[in-house]
Protein backbone atom coordinates (compact mmCIF):
# COMPACT_ATOMS: atom_id res chain seq x y z
CA UNK A 1 -87.39 -43.79 63.96
CA UNK A 2 -84.42 -42.67 62.09
CA UNK A 3 -82.30 -40.07 63.69
CA UNK A 4 -81.27 -37.17 61.54
CA UNK A 5 -77.54 -37.16 61.09
CA UNK A 6 -75.67 -33.95 60.80
CA UNK A 7 -74.01 -33.51 57.45
CA UNK A 8 -70.32 -33.22 57.78
CA UNK A 9 -68.94 -30.15 56.08
CA UNK A 10 -65.37 -30.35 54.93
CA UNK A 11 -63.30 -27.70 56.48
CA UNK A 12 -61.75 -25.46 53.89
CA UNK A 13 -58.20 -24.43 54.41
CA UNK A 14 -57.14 -20.94 53.39
CA UNK A 15 -55.78 -20.92 49.87
CA UNK A 16 -52.01 -20.94 49.66
CA UNK A 17 -50.46 -18.32 47.45
CA UNK A 18 -49.19 -19.76 44.10
CA UNK A 19 -45.48 -19.61 43.83
CA UNK A 20 -43.80 -19.73 40.42
CA UNK A 21 -40.78 -21.88 40.04
CA UNK A 22 -37.42 -20.23 39.56
CA UNK A 23 -37.39 -21.68 36.04
CA UNK A 24 -40.72 -20.04 35.19
CA UNK A 25 -39.61 -16.68 36.60
CA UNK A 26 -36.35 -16.86 34.63
CA UNK A 27 -38.26 -17.76 31.45
CA UNK A 28 -40.58 -14.77 31.88
CA UNK A 29 -37.66 -12.43 32.47
CA UNK A 30 -35.89 -13.76 29.35
CA UNK A 31 -39.05 -13.26 27.29
CA UNK A 32 -39.28 -9.67 28.49
CA UNK A 33 -35.58 -9.13 27.83
CA UNK A 34 -35.85 -10.60 24.32
CA UNK A 35 -38.89 -8.45 23.62
CA UNK A 36 -36.96 -5.34 24.62
CA UNK A 37 -33.99 -6.43 22.50
CA UNK A 38 -36.27 -6.91 19.49
CA UNK A 39 -37.65 -3.43 19.97
CA UNK A 40 -34.15 -1.97 20.07
CA UNK A 41 -33.10 -4.03 17.05
CA UNK A 42 -36.18 -2.91 15.11
CA UNK A 43 -35.41 0.70 16.00
CA UNK A 44 -31.82 0.25 14.82
CA UNK A 45 -32.82 -1.50 11.60
CA UNK A 46 -35.28 1.21 10.65
CA UNK A 47 -32.98 4.10 11.49
CA UNK A 48 -32.35 6.58 8.76
CA UNK A 49 -29.41 8.85 8.17
CA UNK A 50 -28.75 11.79 5.96
CA UNK A 51 -26.46 10.32 3.25
CA UNK A 52 -24.08 13.29 3.26
CA UNK A 53 -23.77 13.53 7.04
CA UNK A 54 -20.19 13.36 8.29
CA UNK A 55 -19.93 11.28 11.46
CA UNK A 56 -17.52 11.73 14.35
CA UNK A 57 -14.58 9.36 14.64
CA UNK A 58 -15.25 6.66 17.29
CA UNK A 59 -13.20 6.94 20.50
CA UNK A 60 -11.56 3.52 20.02
CA UNK A 61 -9.58 4.73 16.98
CA UNK A 62 -6.04 5.77 17.87
CA UNK A 63 -4.15 7.25 14.89
CA UNK A 64 -0.84 6.56 16.64
CA UNK A 65 -1.35 2.80 16.21
CA UNK A 66 -1.85 2.85 12.42
CA UNK A 67 1.79 1.93 11.79
CA UNK A 68 1.74 -1.01 14.21
CA UNK A 69 0.60 -4.63 14.19
CA UNK A 70 -1.90 -5.63 16.87
CA UNK A 71 -4.88 -7.88 17.52
CA UNK A 72 -8.32 -6.56 16.58
CA UNK A 73 -10.80 -7.17 19.42
CA UNK A 74 -13.71 -8.44 17.29
CA UNK A 75 -15.92 -9.57 20.17
CA UNK A 76 -15.39 -6.40 22.15
CA UNK A 77 -15.88 -4.15 19.14
CA UNK A 78 -19.15 -5.67 17.89
CA UNK A 79 -21.45 -4.21 20.61
CA UNK A 80 -19.64 -0.88 20.31
CA UNK A 81 -20.38 -0.76 16.58
CA UNK A 82 -24.04 -1.71 17.08
CA UNK A 83 -24.43 0.96 19.74
CA UNK A 84 -22.72 3.46 17.41
CA UNK A 85 -25.23 2.52 14.70
CA UNK A 86 -28.15 3.22 17.03
CA UNK A 87 -26.64 6.38 18.53
CA UNK A 88 -26.00 7.98 15.13
CA UNK A 89 -29.01 6.49 13.35
CA UNK A 90 -26.90 4.78 10.71
CA UNK A 91 -28.96 2.65 8.30
CA UNK A 92 -28.01 -0.90 7.40
CA UNK A 93 -26.46 -1.22 3.94
CA UNK A 94 -29.48 -3.00 2.46
CA UNK A 95 -31.44 0.23 2.79
CA UNK A 96 -29.02 2.24 0.61
CA UNK A 97 -30.59 3.66 -2.53
CA UNK A 98 -27.12 3.91 -4.06
CA UNK A 99 -24.38 1.31 -3.78
CA UNK A 100 -21.03 2.92 -2.91
CA UNK A 101 -18.07 0.54 -3.00
CA UNK A 102 -14.78 1.43 -1.31
CA UNK A 103 -12.02 -0.58 -2.99
CA UNK A 104 -8.90 -0.78 -0.82
CA UNK A 105 -5.93 -2.18 -2.72
CA UNK A 106 -3.39 -4.25 -0.75
CA UNK A 107 -3.51 -2.44 2.60
CA UNK A 108 -1.38 -5.22 4.06
CA UNK A 109 1.45 -5.22 6.58
CA UNK A 110 3.96 -6.22 3.90
CA UNK A 111 3.36 -2.89 2.08
CA UNK A 112 2.22 -0.58 4.86
CA UNK A 113 4.21 -1.19 8.03
CA UNK A 114 7.76 0.22 8.32
CA UNK A 115 10.34 -2.55 8.42
CA UNK A 116 8.23 -5.03 6.47
CA UNK A 117 9.31 -6.48 3.12
CA UNK A 118 7.94 -3.95 0.63
CA UNK A 119 7.03 -0.95 2.75
CA UNK A 120 5.69 1.81 0.50
CA UNK A 121 7.15 4.91 2.06
CA UNK A 122 6.91 7.06 -1.06
CA UNK A 123 9.27 10.00 -1.27
CA UNK A 124 8.34 11.18 2.24
CA UNK A 125 9.25 7.87 3.88
CA UNK A 126 5.96 7.77 5.80
CA UNK A 127 3.65 7.38 2.81
CA UNK A 128 1.61 4.24 3.54
CA UNK A 129 1.25 4.99 7.26
CA UNK A 130 -0.07 8.49 6.58
CA UNK A 131 -2.31 7.13 3.82
CA UNK A 132 -3.87 4.53 6.10
CA UNK A 133 -4.45 7.01 8.91
CA UNK A 134 -6.41 9.21 6.51
CA UNK A 135 -8.16 6.15 5.06
CA UNK A 136 -9.36 4.95 8.48
CA UNK A 137 -10.63 8.41 9.33
CA UNK A 138 -12.42 8.55 5.98
CA UNK A 139 -14.16 5.23 6.67
CA UNK A 140 -15.31 6.27 10.13
CA UNK A 141 -16.56 9.69 8.99
CA UNK A 142 -18.48 8.14 6.09
CA UNK A 143 -19.90 4.97 7.64
CA UNK A 144 -23.38 5.93 6.50
CA UNK A 145 -22.26 6.58 2.92
CA UNK A 146 -20.02 3.60 2.16
CA UNK A 147 -22.19 0.60 1.33
CA UNK A 148 -19.47 -2.02 1.00
CA UNK A 149 -15.73 -2.24 1.64
CA UNK A 150 -13.72 -4.53 -0.62
CA UNK A 151 -10.05 -4.98 0.36
CA UNK A 152 -7.71 -6.80 -2.01
CA UNK A 153 -4.95 -9.04 -0.68
CA UNK A 154 -1.74 -9.81 -2.52
CA UNK A 155 -1.14 -13.49 -1.84
CA UNK A 156 2.12 -15.29 -2.59
CA UNK A 157 4.21 -18.43 -2.10
CA UNK A 158 7.97 -18.92 -2.55
CA UNK A 159 8.32 -20.38 -6.05
CA UNK A 160 6.56 -17.79 -8.19
CA UNK A 161 7.89 -16.21 -11.36
CA UNK A 162 8.61 -12.84 -9.71
CA UNK A 163 10.65 -14.26 -6.81
CA UNK A 164 14.42 -14.65 -6.96
CA UNK A 165 14.44 -18.42 -6.41
CA UNK A 166 12.69 -18.88 -9.77
CA UNK A 167 15.82 -17.90 -11.75
CA UNK A 168 19.53 -18.62 -11.59
CA UNK A 169 22.63 -17.72 -13.64
CA UNK A 170 25.62 -19.81 -14.67
CA UNK A 171 27.35 -19.05 -11.37
CA UNK A 172 24.36 -20.32 -9.39
CA UNK A 173 23.35 -16.85 -8.21
CA UNK A 174 19.78 -15.62 -8.09
CA UNK A 175 18.69 -12.16 -9.29
CA UNK A 176 18.96 -9.31 -6.80
CA UNK A 177 15.39 -8.11 -6.17
CA UNK A 178 14.40 -4.86 -7.91
CA UNK A 179 17.89 -3.51 -8.57
CA UNK A 180 19.82 -6.32 -10.31
CA UNK A 181 21.93 -4.77 -13.10
CA UNK A 182 20.97 -7.64 -15.41
CA UNK A 183 17.17 -7.77 -15.61
CA UNK A 184 15.27 -10.93 -16.43
CA UNK A 185 14.03 -10.37 -20.01
CA UNK A 186 13.28 -12.51 -23.01
CA UNK A 187 16.75 -11.56 -24.34
CA UNK A 188 18.69 -12.48 -21.18
CA UNK A 189 16.76 -15.74 -20.96
CA UNK A 190 17.48 -16.66 -24.58
CA UNK A 191 21.17 -15.79 -24.18
CA UNK A 192 21.47 -17.90 -21.05
CA UNK A 193 22.36 -15.05 -18.71
CA UNK A 194 19.37 -16.19 -16.71
CA UNK A 195 17.52 -19.49 -16.77
CA UNK A 196 14.77 -21.09 -14.73
CA UNK A 197 16.16 -22.65 -11.57
CA UNK A 198 16.10 -26.46 -12.11
CA UNK A 199 15.52 -26.98 -8.38
CA UNK A 200 11.98 -25.59 -8.49
CA UNK A 201 10.71 -27.99 -11.17
CA UNK A 202 10.11 -30.84 -8.71
CA UNK A 203 7.81 -28.68 -6.54
CA UNK A 204 5.88 -27.39 -9.55
CA UNK A 205 5.47 -30.80 -11.18
CA UNK A 206 2.31 -32.71 -10.33
CA UNK A 207 3.98 -35.98 -11.31
CA UNK A 208 7.17 -36.45 -9.27
CA UNK A 209 8.82 -38.95 -11.61
CA UNK A 210 12.15 -37.89 -13.09
CA UNK A 211 10.79 -37.81 -16.64
CA UNK A 212 7.79 -35.67 -15.61
CA UNK A 213 9.96 -33.26 -13.62
CA UNK A 214 12.33 -32.86 -16.61
CA UNK A 215 9.34 -32.13 -18.86
CA UNK A 216 8.04 -29.58 -16.34
CA UNK A 217 11.41 -27.85 -16.30
CA UNK A 218 11.53 -27.52 -20.10
CA UNK A 219 8.00 -26.11 -20.03
CA UNK A 220 8.94 -23.57 -17.36
CA UNK A 221 11.94 -22.40 -19.39
CA UNK A 222 9.78 -21.90 -22.49
CA UNK A 223 7.11 -20.16 -20.44
CA UNK A 224 9.57 -17.70 -18.88
CA UNK A 225 10.73 -16.56 -22.35
CA UNK A 226 7.13 -16.36 -23.59
CA UNK A 227 6.07 -14.46 -20.46
CA UNK A 228 8.77 -11.77 -20.71
CA UNK A 229 8.21 -11.41 -24.46
CA UNK A 230 4.48 -10.91 -23.89
CA UNK A 231 5.10 -8.17 -21.33
CA UNK A 232 7.50 -6.45 -23.72
CA UNK A 233 5.13 -6.75 -26.67
CA UNK A 234 2.20 -5.28 -24.71
CA UNK A 235 4.27 -2.35 -23.43
CA UNK A 236 3.95 -3.31 -19.76
CA UNK A 237 6.58 -3.13 -17.05
CA UNK A 238 9.18 -5.82 -17.60
CA UNK A 239 9.31 -8.75 -15.22
CA UNK A 240 10.33 -7.39 -11.82
CA UNK A 241 11.98 -9.64 -9.26
CA UNK A 242 10.48 -8.66 -5.92
CA UNK A 243 11.61 -9.53 -2.39
CA UNK A 244 9.53 -12.27 -0.82
CA UNK A 245 6.39 -10.54 0.42
CA UNK A 246 2.70 -11.04 1.24
CA UNK A 247 3.46 -14.70 1.95
CA UNK A 248 0.26 -16.63 2.60
CA UNK A 249 0.06 -17.57 6.26
CA UNK A 250 2.65 -14.99 7.30
CA UNK A 251 2.11 -11.85 9.32
CA UNK A 252 3.00 -9.70 6.31
CA UNK A 253 -0.01 -11.06 4.43
CA UNK A 254 -2.50 -9.72 6.99
CA UNK A 255 -4.39 -6.48 6.55
CA UNK A 256 -3.04 -3.52 8.50
CA UNK A 257 -4.64 -3.81 11.94
CA UNK A 258 -6.13 -0.30 11.95
CA UNK A 259 -7.60 -0.75 8.46
CA UNK A 260 -8.99 -4.18 9.32
CA UNK A 261 -10.50 -2.71 12.49
CA UNK A 262 -12.16 0.12 10.56
CA UNK A 263 -13.50 -2.35 8.00
CA UNK A 264 -14.82 -4.66 10.71
CA UNK A 265 -16.47 -1.75 12.50
CA UNK A 266 -18.15 -0.77 9.23
CA UNK A 267 -19.30 -4.38 8.72
CA UNK A 268 -21.01 -4.45 12.10
CA UNK A 269 -22.41 -0.92 11.98
CA UNK A 270 -23.88 -1.37 8.50
CA UNK A 271 -24.51 -5.13 8.38
CA UNK A 272 -22.31 -5.30 5.28
CA UNK A 273 -19.67 -8.00 5.19
CA UNK A 274 -16.15 -7.02 4.22
CA UNK A 275 -14.97 -9.83 1.96
CA UNK A 276 -11.35 -9.69 0.73
CA UNK A 277 -10.52 -10.27 -2.92
CA UNK A 278 -7.44 -12.50 -3.36
CA UNK A 279 -4.87 -11.94 -6.09
CA UNK A 280 -1.30 -12.94 -6.89
CA UNK A 281 -1.55 -16.65 -6.07
CA UNK A 282 -0.86 -17.89 -9.62
CA UNK A 283 2.68 -19.24 -9.98
CA UNK A 284 3.38 -18.29 -13.60
CA UNK A 285 2.25 -14.65 -13.74
CA UNK A 286 2.42 -11.38 -11.87
CA UNK A 287 -0.92 -9.98 -10.69
CA UNK A 288 -0.69 -6.28 -9.88
CA UNK A 289 -4.35 -5.62 -10.71
CA UNK A 290 -7.17 -7.26 -8.79
CA UNK A 291 -9.14 -7.48 -12.05
CA UNK A 292 -6.72 -9.56 -14.12
CA UNK A 293 -3.20 -11.03 -14.04
CA UNK A 294 -0.47 -9.61 -16.27
CA UNK A 295 -0.47 -12.59 -18.64
CA UNK A 296 -3.43 -14.92 -19.14
CA UNK A 297 -2.11 -17.40 -21.73
CA UNK A 298 0.98 -19.62 -21.46
CA UNK A 299 3.47 -20.51 -24.16
CA UNK A 300 1.42 -23.46 -25.38
CA UNK A 301 -1.80 -21.48 -25.66
CA UNK A 302 -3.11 -22.83 -22.38
CA UNK A 303 -4.80 -20.56 -19.84
CA UNK A 304 -2.62 -19.90 -16.80
CA UNK A 305 -5.01 -17.47 -15.08
CA UNK A 306 -8.37 -15.75 -15.56
CA UNK A 307 -9.91 -12.32 -15.26
CA UNK A 308 -11.82 -11.62 -12.05
CA UNK A 309 -15.12 -11.27 -13.89
CA UNK A 310 -17.33 -11.49 -10.79
CA UNK A 311 -15.60 -8.57 -9.09
CA UNK A 312 -15.55 -6.59 -12.34
CA UNK A 313 -19.35 -6.91 -12.40
CA UNK A 314 -19.54 -5.77 -8.78
CA UNK A 315 -17.62 -2.59 -9.56
CA UNK A 316 -19.49 -1.83 -12.78
CA UNK A 317 -22.84 -2.25 -11.01
CA UNK A 318 -21.90 0.09 -8.15
CA UNK A 319 -23.27 3.62 -8.37
CA UNK A 320 -19.98 5.03 -7.06
CA UNK A 321 -16.53 3.43 -6.69
CA UNK A 322 -13.92 4.94 -4.39
CA UNK A 323 -10.35 3.62 -4.70
CA UNK A 324 -7.40 3.80 -2.29
CA UNK A 325 -4.46 1.59 -1.31
CA UNK A 326 -0.91 0.63 -2.23
CA UNK A 327 1.05 1.15 -4.27
CA UNK A 328 -0.09 4.04 -6.42
CA UNK A 329 2.50 3.22 -9.09
CA UNK A 330 1.77 -0.49 -9.32
CA UNK A 331 -1.21 -2.42 -7.95
CA UNK A 332 -3.45 0.64 -7.61
CA UNK A 333 -2.56 2.00 -11.05
CA UNK A 334 -2.92 -1.43 -12.70
CA UNK A 335 -6.31 -2.00 -11.07
CA UNK A 336 -7.62 1.39 -12.17
CA UNK A 337 -6.25 0.91 -15.70
CA UNK A 338 -8.00 -2.45 -16.02
CA UNK A 339 -11.23 -1.01 -14.61
CA UNK A 340 -11.02 1.83 -17.13
CA UNK A 341 -10.60 -0.68 -19.96
CA UNK A 342 -13.72 -2.54 -18.82
CA UNK A 343 -15.63 0.74 -18.53
CA UNK A 344 -14.63 1.92 -22.01
CA UNK A 345 -15.72 -1.41 -23.47
CA UNK A 346 -19.17 -0.96 -21.91
CA UNK A 347 -19.82 2.79 -21.59
CA UNK A 348 -17.07 5.46 -21.29
CA UNK A 349 -19.45 7.65 -19.26
CA UNK A 350 -19.16 5.19 -16.38
CA UNK A 351 -15.66 6.53 -15.69
CA UNK A 352 -17.35 9.52 -14.05
CA UNK A 353 -18.56 7.33 -11.18
CA UNK A 354 -14.99 6.47 -10.09
CA UNK A 355 -13.25 8.54 -7.39
CA UNK A 356 -9.55 8.16 -6.63
CA UNK A 357 -8.38 9.09 -3.12
CA UNK A 358 -5.10 10.78 -3.97
CA UNK A 359 -4.13 11.26 -0.33
CA UNK A 360 -4.65 7.58 0.52
CA UNK A 361 -2.08 6.06 -1.84
CA UNK A 362 1.68 6.38 -2.41
CA UNK A 363 4.11 5.25 -5.14
CA UNK A 364 7.02 2.85 -4.84
CA UNK A 365 10.24 4.74 -4.13
CA UNK A 366 13.17 2.68 -2.82
CA UNK A 367 15.60 4.95 -0.96
CA UNK A 368 19.35 4.73 -1.48
CA UNK A 369 21.29 5.11 1.81
CA UNK A 370 23.85 7.14 -0.14
CA UNK A 371 21.13 9.58 -1.14
CA UNK A 372 18.24 9.70 -3.56
CA UNK A 373 16.43 6.54 -4.61
CA UNK A 374 17.41 3.26 -6.24
CA UNK A 375 14.08 3.41 -8.07
CA UNK A 376 11.35 6.04 -7.88
CA UNK A 377 8.00 5.55 -9.62
CA UNK A 378 6.45 8.82 -8.44
CA UNK A 379 6.42 10.39 -11.91
CA UNK A 380 4.95 7.23 -13.46
CA UNK A 381 2.19 7.16 -10.84
CA UNK A 382 1.32 10.83 -11.32
CA UNK A 383 1.25 10.38 -15.08
CA UNK A 384 -1.11 7.40 -14.76
CA UNK A 385 -3.48 9.30 -12.47
CA UNK A 386 -3.49 12.27 -14.84
CA UNK A 387 -4.55 9.90 -17.63
CA UNK A 388 -7.34 8.45 -15.49
CA UNK A 389 -8.61 11.97 -14.78
CA UNK A 390 -8.53 12.83 -18.49
CA UNK A 391 -10.81 9.82 -19.10
CA UNK A 392 -13.41 11.15 -16.65
CA UNK A 393 -12.40 9.72 -13.29
CA UNK A 394 -12.20 12.11 -10.32
CA UNK A 395 -9.08 12.85 -8.27
CA UNK A 396 -10.26 13.68 -4.74
CA UNK A 397 -9.05 14.15 -1.17
CA UNK A 398 -10.31 12.01 1.69
CA UNK A 399 -10.36 15.06 3.94
CA UNK A 400 -12.91 16.88 1.76
CA UNK A 401 -16.62 16.16 2.46
CA UNK A 402 -17.96 13.82 -0.22
CA UNK A 403 -20.82 16.20 -0.99
CA UNK A 404 -18.15 18.57 -2.31
CA UNK A 405 -16.81 15.95 -4.72
CA UNK A 406 -17.80 16.72 -8.27
CA UNK A 407 -20.91 14.74 -9.20
CA UNK A 408 -20.72 12.34 -6.24
CA UNK A 409 -24.20 13.13 -4.91
CA UNK A 410 -25.75 13.46 -8.37
């Protein structure tokens, strides 16, 4: 007889609570954090702003520092700009129905900081500093209106046709910048009062053999006469010998810190990259205007420079173009004149979309310690701006709301 065995029942232990690993917990937290960030980003991206709304000036801007050189804190400023975008419901630039370009001409230390090489003080002596303070304030107040900021940068090296080392006289002296009593002209070059400095030919010759360097020198001498004659024939300013300035790689070449900071803040707040336009780096021609050098063709019929056709298209396609910078009598005036020529060739009515910030630009006026000025281009600058206005462009103040500018919101 078989005995009935008791079935053994496995004893169940109480279930242990499941514990997530630290890695899993961290991953979940990061997912939640990223989800929240995406929500905030989506809210920021879809924010809308009234186009004419004037914004307050951010607390980080200190007008007292406009005339100084300092480091812009890019990494610290980025989150501030993004928060400012969200706080004031500023749309990203891609949502703009109208493209408004702010063209800032040569707002560089070399022109805008007292004590630098070609400081544009105007007749007041504080011209460029005051101009840039107003310009920065204009940018901050109109972050939601300005679609894109395009700064130009004068960019030079030592041995260029407008620097003193390029020419020499029989005594071995170089021209005195700006005020030499004997200007460099086609006549003074033909007479031998000035000639191209033989010492620069080696640097400007691709082939360093003696024969090639000699050939380069003869070509430079012919080009200098051709260049000055071309300027004279076209009724432009004669060749001006300038002090060394805006030297590539030097501190004078950099944008004014406060202007760069305002442009960077705009870039972050509006997701619109500020991309500088370079000019003045061609050895054989001056380049006041960002749109084209003074002379395009050399003495042998060869091209020595080209028009900036890409940027010309950018400006012509913009619904509104606002222009400021230095100097009113030279690089600003030349740029506007070239833009006007392009406009007239396409449609003269387009001049009405250009707005010139009269209180954000000053003319060249070189003071004489004995009193008055060695040279003063104030009258020339005012005359040029009057001509631009007669062609349909608008002379405006940065301190006036843009909705009060004639036709700006139309």
